[in-house]
């Protein structure tokens, strides 16, 4: 292979930018910065939070405990079907503080949404819910109660 052929082969393999990888890094950094600047002008989206949830099979009923901090009773929507529970909650808070040379006004909005599938059919009309100290407790009776499985203790070796 001659020197000219080697040079052509290297030119085909070498990248189209001549100064190196730092230019590519700089180009991506500039692109990221430009995108962040353009999206910063959009209004903030209310934050959907995940909340911890426990589903307990008590034999004749299901008990669902869900943490919903800061939400009042009237901010909760609860829909029960034959085999699922849909829980949504919304909390809006607004505060205003006026002092000598400035005014501060802040708004906070938090939303929760969860659909929980149930393993057995339930009587949706007999569901009961109670909110205590930010914990929603939902009790839903089953159509056909099941007995609790027996527990057997096993030693770990």
C-alpha atoms as a PDB file:
ATOM      1  CA  UNK A   1       0.000   0.000   0.000  1.00  0.00           C
ATOM      2  CA  UNK A   2       1.430   3.367  -0.970  1.00  0.00           C
ATOM      3  CA  UNK A   3       1.579   6.435   1.238  1.00  0.00           C
ATOM      4  CA  UNK A   4      -1.225   8.102  -0.737  1.00  0.00           C
ATOM      5  CA  UNK A   5      -3.518   5.084  -0.286  1.00  0.00           C
ATOM      6  CA  UNK A   6      -2.743   4.983   3.464  1.00  0.00           C
ATOM      7  CA  UNK A   7      -3.526   8.700   3.785  1.00  0.00           C
ATOM      8  CA  UNK A   8      -6.857   8.258   1.938  1.00  0.00           C
ATOM      9  CA  UNK A   9      -7.778   5.298   4.161  1.00  0.00           C
ATOM     10  CA  UNK A  10      -6.968   7.289   7.319  1.00  0.00           C
ATOM     11  CA  UNK A  11      -8.973  10.244   6.011  1.00  0.00           C
ATOM     12  CA  UNK A  12     -11.988   7.976   5.541  1.00  0.00           C
ATOM     13  CA  UNK A  13     -11.732   6.589   9.088  1.00  0.00           C
ATOM     14  CA  UNK A  14     -10.876   9.827  10.889  1.00  0.00           C
ATOM     15  CA  UNK A  15     -13.779  11.942  12.152  1.00  0.00           C
ATOM     16  CA  UNK A  16     -14.998  14.961  10.228  1.00  0.00           C
ATOM     17  CA  UNK A  17     -13.959  17.340  13.016  1.00  0.00           C
ATOM     18  CA  UNK A  18     -10.301  18.176  12.991  1.00  0.00           C
ATOM     19  CA  UNK A  19      -9.579  19.535  16.472  1.00  0.00           C
ATOM     20  CA  UNK A  20     -10.572  16.507  18.572  1.00  0.00           C
ATOM     21  CA  UNK A  21     -13.127  15.229  21.029  1.00  0.00           C
ATOM     22  CA  UNK A  22     -13.189  18.429  23.069  1.00  0.00           C
ATOM     23  CA  UNK A  23     -15.126  20.156  20.287  1.00  0.00           C
ATOM     24  CA  UNK A  24     -17.801  17.446  20.388  1.00  0.00           C
ATOM     25  CA  UNK A  25     -18.032  17.722  24.193  1.00  0.00           C
ATOM     26  CA  UNK A  26     -18.313  21.495  23.910  1.00  0.00           C
ATOM     27  CA  UNK A  27     -21.015  21.185  21.224  1.00  0.00           C
ATOM     28  CA  UNK A  28     -23.106  18.861  23.440  1.00  0.00           C
ATOM     29  CA  UNK A  29     -22.633  21.131  26.453  1.00  0.00           C
ATOM     30  CA  UNK A  30     -23.811  24.101  24.394  1.00  0.00           C
ATOM     31  CA  UNK A  31     -26.816  22.141  23.118  1.00  0.00           C
ATOM     32  CA  UNK A  32     -27.766  21.067  26.668  1.00  0.00           C
ATOM     33  CA  UNK A  33     -27.389  24.662  27.933  1.00  0.00           C
ATOM     34  CA  UNK A  34     -29.534  26.006  25.069  1.00  0.00           C
ATOM     35  CA  UNK A  35     -32.274  23.433  25.727  1.00  0.00           C
ATOM     36  CA  UNK A  36     -32.274  24.196  29.459  1.00  0.00           C
ATOM     37  CA  UNK A  37     -32.569  27.920  28.710  1.00  0.00           C
ATOM     38  CA  UNK A  38     -35.451  27.426  26.288  1.00  0.00           C
ATOM     39  CA  UNK A  39     -37.383  25.098  28.633  1.00  0.00           C
ATOM     40  CA  UNK A  40     -36.849  27.413  31.615  1.00  0.00           C
ATOM     41  CA  UNK A  41     -39.403  29.807  30.130  1.00  0.00           C
ATOM     42  CA  UNK A  42     -42.208  27.236  30.451  1.00  0.00           C
ATOM     43  CA  UNK A  43     -44.341  27.335  33.602  1.00  0.00           C
ATOM     44  CA  UNK A  44     -43.519  24.619  36.115  1.00  0.00           C
ATOM     45  CA  UNK A  45     -45.578  21.438  35.999  1.00  0.00           C
ATOM     46  CA  UNK A  46     -47.262  20.463  39.266  1.00  0.00           C
ATOM     47  CA  UNK A  47     -45.288  17.662  40.817  1.00  0.00           C
ATOM     48  CA  UNK A  48     -46.846  14.206  40.987  1.00  0.00           C
ATOM     49  CA  UNK A  49     -45.490  12.402  43.975  1.00  0.00           C
ATOM     50  CA  UNK A  50     -45.271   8.758  44.727  1.00  0.00           C
ATOM     51  CA  UNK A  51     -46.708   7.832  48.043  1.00  0.00           C
ATOM     52  CA  UNK A  52     -46.023   4.690  49.970  1.00  0.00           C
ATOM     53  CA  UNK A  53     -48.905   2.256  49.977  1.00  0.00           C
ATOM     54  CA  UNK A  54     -49.602  -1.004  51.811  1.00  0.00           C
ATOM     55  CA  UNK A  55     -52.215  -3.483  50.600  1.00  0.00           C
ATOM     56  CA  UNK A  56     -53.125  -6.028  53.271  1.00  0.00           C
ATOM     57  CA  UNK A  57     -55.287  -9.113  52.701  1.00  0.00           C
ATOM     58  CA  UNK A  58     -57.111  -9.651  55.997  1.00  0.00           C
ATOM     59  CA  UNK A  59     -59.114 -12.669  54.811  1.00  0.00           C
ATOM     60  CA  UNK A  60     -62.615 -11.181  54.678  1.00  0.00           C
ATOM     61  CA  UNK A  61     -61.468  -7.731  53.499  1.00  0.00           C
ATOM     62  CA  UNK A  62     -58.634  -5.740  51.941  1.00  0.00           C
ATOM     63  CA  UNK A  63     -57.044  -2.911  53.906  1.00  0.00           C
ATOM     64  CA  UNK A  64     -55.117  -0.234  52.047  1.00  0.00           C
ATOM     65  CA  UNK A  65     -52.931   2.236  53.909  1.00  0.00           C
ATOM     66  CA  UNK A  66     -51.490   5.103  51.910  1.00  0.00           C
ATOM     67  CA  UNK A  67     -49.389   8.059  53.048  1.00  0.00           C
ATOM     68  CA  UNK A  68     -50.883  11.316  51.784  1.00  0.00           C
ATOM     69  CA  UNK A  69     -49.181  14.075  53.812  1.00  0.00           C
ATOM     70  CA  UNK A  70     -50.723  17.532  53.896  1.00  0.00           C
ATOM     71  CA  UNK A  71     -53.938  16.587  52.087  1.00  0.00           C
ATOM     72  CA  UNK A  72     -57.329  17.313  53.614  1.00  0.00           C
ATOM     73  CA  UNK A  73     -60.343  14.953  53.397  1.00  0.00           C
ATOM     74  CA  UNK A  74     -62.066  17.035  50.736  1.00  0.00           C
ATOM     75  CA  UNK A  75     -58.948  16.845  48.507  1.00  0.00           C
ATOM     76  CA  UNK A  76     -59.147  13.057  48.140  1.00  0.00           C
ATOM     77  CA  UNK A  77     -61.027  11.205  45.395  1.00  0.00           C
ATOM     78  CA  UNK A  78     -61.530   7.492  45.925  1.00  0.00           C
ATOM     79  CA  UNK A  79     -63.085   5.189  43.309  1.00  0.00           C
ATOM     80  CA  UNK A  80     -63.583   1.488  43.998  1.00  0.00           C
ATOM     81  CA  UNK A  81     -64.484  -1.017  41.278  1.00  0.00           C
ATOM     82  CA  UNK A  82     -64.966  -4.781  41.498  1.00  0.00           C
ATOM     83  CA  UNK A  83     -61.239  -5.449  41.313  1.00  0.00           C
ATOM     84  CA  UNK A  84     -59.307  -2.180  41.751  1.00  0.00           C
ATOM     85  CA  UNK A  85     -59.041   1.016  43.776  1.00  0.00           C
ATOM     86  CA  UNK A  86     -58.203   4.396  42.282  1.00  0.00           C
ATOM     87  CA  UNK A  87     -56.910   7.023  44.693  1.00  0.00           C
ATOM     88  CA  UNK A  88     -56.134  10.588  43.699  1.00  0.00           C
ATOM     89  CA  UNK A  89     -55.423  13.530  45.950  1.00  0.00           C
ATOM     90  CA  UNK A  90     -54.465  17.134  45.455  1.00  0.00           C
ATOM     91  CA  UNK A  91     -53.062  19.687  47.854  1.00  0.00           C
ATOM     92  CA  UNK A  92     -52.695  23.367  47.034  1.00  0.00           C
ATOM     93  CA  UNK A  93     -51.009  25.825  49.335  1.00  0.00           C
ATOM     94  CA  UNK A  94     -50.505  29.546  48.958  1.00  0.00           C
ATOM     95  CA  UNK A  95     -48.614  31.878  51.248  1.00  0.00           C
ATOM     96  CA  UNK A  96     -47.960  35.583  51.137  1.00  0.00           C
ATOM     97  CA  UNK A  97     -45.515  37.555  53.228  1.00  0.00           C
ATOM     98  CA  UNK A  98     -45.188  41.330  53.156  1.00  0.00           C
ATOM     99  CA  UNK A  99     -42.323  43.161  54.809  1.00  0.00           C
ATOM    100  CA  UNK A 100     -40.771  46.579  54.485  1.00  0.00           C
ATOM    101  CA  UNK A 101     -39.258  46.574  50.974  1.00  0.00           C
ATOM    102  CA  UNK A 102     -40.331  43.272  49.456  1.00  0.00           C
ATOM    103  CA  UNK A 103     -43.274  41.045  48.794  1.00  0.00           C
ATOM    104  CA  UNK A 104     -43.080  37.274  48.705  1.00  0.00           C
ATOM    105  CA  UNK A 105     -45.881  35.144  47.339  1.00  0.00           C
ATOM    106  CA  UNK A 106     -45.405  31.426  46.870  1.00  0.00           C
ATOM    107  CA  UNK A 107     -47.657  28.663  45.617  1.00  0.00           C
ATOM    108  CA  UNK A 108     -47.201  24.963  46.154  1.00  0.00           C
ATOM    109  CA  UNK A 109     -49.192  22.185  44.551  1.00  0.00           C
ATOM    110  CA  UNK A 110     -48.744  18.467  45.133  1.00  0.00           C
ATOM    111  CA  UNK A 111     -50.726  15.686  43.490  1.00  0.00           C
ATOM    112  CA  UNK A 112     -50.972  11.971  44.203  1.00  0.00           C
ATOM    113  CA  UNK A 113     -52.463   9.334  41.914  1.00  0.00           C
ATOM    114  CA  UNK A 114     -52.494   5.601  42.288  1.00  0.00           C
ATOM    115  CA  UNK A 115     -54.478   2.691  40.818  1.00  0.00           C
ATOM    116  CA  UNK A 116     -54.223  -0.445  42.913  1.00  0.00           C
ATOM    117  CA  UNK A 117     -55.315  -3.759  41.378  1.00  0.00           C
ATOM    118  CA  UNK A 118     -56.949  -6.230  43.764  1.00  0.00           C
ATOM    119  CA  UNK A 119     -56.547  -9.997  43.478  1.00  0.00           C
ATOM    120  CA  UNK A 120     -60.184 -10.800  44.337  1.00  0.00           C
ATOM    121  CA  UNK A 121     -63.585  -9.237  43.689  1.00  0.00           C
ATOM    122  CA  UNK A 122     -64.778  -6.773  46.310  1.00  0.00           C
ATOM    123  CA  UNK A 123     -68.065  -5.159  47.331  1.00  0.00           C
ATOM    124  CA  UNK A 124     -67.375  -1.603  46.213  1.00  0.00           C
ATOM    125  CA  UNK A 125     -70.506  -0.147  47.822  1.00  0.00           C
ATOM    126  CA  UNK A 126     -69.382  -1.199  51.318  1.00  0.00           C
ATOM    127  CA  UNK A 127     -65.927   0.378  51.186  1.00  0.00           C
ATOM    128  CA  UNK A 128     -64.960   2.701  54.041  1.00  0.00           C
ATOM    129  CA  UNK A 129     -62.150   5.241  54.182  1.00  0.00           C
ATOM    130  CA  UNK A 130     -60.646   7.264  57.024  1.00  0.00           C
ATOM    131  CA  UNK A 131     -57.884   9.892  56.989  1.00  0.00           C
ATOM    132  CA  UNK A 132     -55.804  10.152  60.165  1.00  0.00           C
ATOM    133  CA  UNK A 133     -52.591  12.179  60.473  1.00  0.00           C
ATOM    134  CA  UNK A 134     -51.834  12.054  56.742  1.00  0.00           C
ATOM    135  CA  UNK A 135     -52.491   8.308  56.411  1.00  0.00           C
ATOM    136  CA  UNK A 136     -55.484   7.171  54.360  1.00  0.00           C
ATOM    137  CA  UNK A 137     -56.942   3.878  55.612  1.00  0.00           C
ATOM    138  CA  UNK A 138     -59.341   2.164  53.190  1.00  0.00           C
ATOM    139  CA  UNK A 139     -61.239  -1.021  54.091  1.00  0.00           C
ATOM    140  CA  UNK A 140     -62.984  -2.933  51.295  1.00  0.00           C
ATOM    141  CA  UNK A 141     -64.892  -6.175  52.035  1.00  0.00           C
ATOM    142  CA  UNK A 142     -64.428  -9.117  49.674  1.00  0.00           C
ATOM    143  CA  UNK A 143     -67.285 -10.824  47.822  1.00  0.00           C
ATOM    144  CA  UNK A 144     -66.116 -14.273  48.979  1.00  0.00           C
ATOM    145  CA  UNK A 145     -63.899 -14.162  52.079  1.00  0.00           C
ATOM    146  CA  UNK A 146     -60.837 -16.377  52.121  1.00  0.00           C
ATOM    147  CA  UNK A 147     -59.116 -17.900  55.096  1.00  0.00           C
ATOM    148  CA  UNK A 148     -55.695 -16.630  56.028  1.00  0.00           C
ATOM    149  CA  UNK A 149     -52.909 -19.006  55.070  1.00  0.00           C
ATOM    150  CA  UNK A 150     -51.139 -20.763  57.935  1.00  0.00           C
ATOM    151  CA  UNK A 151     -47.631 -19.580  58.681  1.00  0.00           C
ATOM    152  CA  UNK A 152     -44.790 -22.003  59.181  1.00  0.00           C
ATOM    153  CA  UNK A 153     -41.542 -20.896  60.774  1.00  0.00           C
ATOM    154  CA  UNK A 154     -38.407 -21.976  58.932  1.00  0.00           C
ATOM    155  CA  UNK A 155     -34.918 -21.619  60.364  1.00  0.00           C
ATOM    156  CA  UNK A 156     -32.262 -20.010  58.211  1.00  0.00           C
ATOM    157  CA  UNK A 157     -28.941 -21.871  57.983  1.00  0.00           C
END
